Amino acid sequence: MNVQRILYALLLSIASLTSPVIAQTESAFQADEDSLLTIAPYVISATTDSAKISVATQLQEKLLEILANPASFEYEFANLRMSTVAVASHPKSSVRLFTYNIILKNGVFHHYGVIQRKTKSGVALYSLHDTAQNLPKDAKEITLDQSQWIGGLYYQIFPHKVKKKEYFVVMQFDGHNINSNRSIIDVLSFEKDEEAAEPNVYKPIWGAPLFRDGLEDPSEDYRVIFEYHKSSRILMRYEEEKKTIVFDEIGPAFPSADGNAYYYIPTGDYSGYKPSKRGIFTKEALDATDFGQGIPNPTIFR
């Protein structure tokens, strides 16, 4: 038997040992995903607020249990994405976001979620619970911690470095209430938790001074918030090839509605946030609209 045949036999032997393990892991996660899918629809279809809250809590606990397995980070959860749970991921991101909402009888959207972060030792998990129906007046100027999370459904995430600091820019949709929707560009990062009992524990932080309204604007916002009429939808997404966050401009439907977000609608103009060499995203008008605006979006989010 020559060397090539020996190597080939060795590879076949290794494959025969590892394939069942891979298949077993895949099968186990499929079963886990099925268990999530038996719960997920009821966050919307449950008939009372208390039942929805109970199901939402149950779903979050199940997510935390399943995502605690480090191997789960490589599992796509493709079927879960098609249910009531939004899963935001990126090939180059060490973070995934699982979010969902309940709609209360008064029309208010209440959100839950889990951050899954890949670490050197495995994974770190952080539970999210919406506590920001009314945003702070200075929401564009401050960082927020885990307990101050602005709830929403995350549908895009991409890594972004500024001076060796790693950030994750995220896009989210919030059904908010019976009067308006919100679309938000936010920033997620992690910093060492000095109050943790164990060393090298990190906590999530929302917001960073990365957004400018234009070249002439001397200040930088920590996040970008669009609020608009309940019946409207806006385009807001990151175009990877163009490295641009593209979005609809919004404005009052009629002059006397100026300043009242409940009557804001898309104006038909598009703008984008493009990163500078410093990593700061600066807003600029887009002359061309060749960003796929006319292409139907395969997800429920625009």
Foldseek 3Di string as FASTA:
>chain_A
DDPVVVVVVVVVVVCVVCVVVVVVVLVVVVVLLVVLVVLQQCCEVPDAPVSNVVSLVVSLVSCVVVLQALVCVPPDSVVVCVTQWPWADDPPAQKIKIKGWHQHPQFFIWMWIKIWGQDPVGIDIDIATADPLPPDPQNFADKDFRPHDHDFHWHYWDWFDFPNFIKIWIWGKGLRGPQKIKIKTKIKHWDFDPPDPDGPDIGIMIFDQFEAAAPPGPGGTRMDMAMAANVAAKDWAADVVVQKTKIFDKAAPDDVCGPPRSRIYGPPWMWIFHQDPSGHTYIDTDPDPPPCPVPDDPHPHD
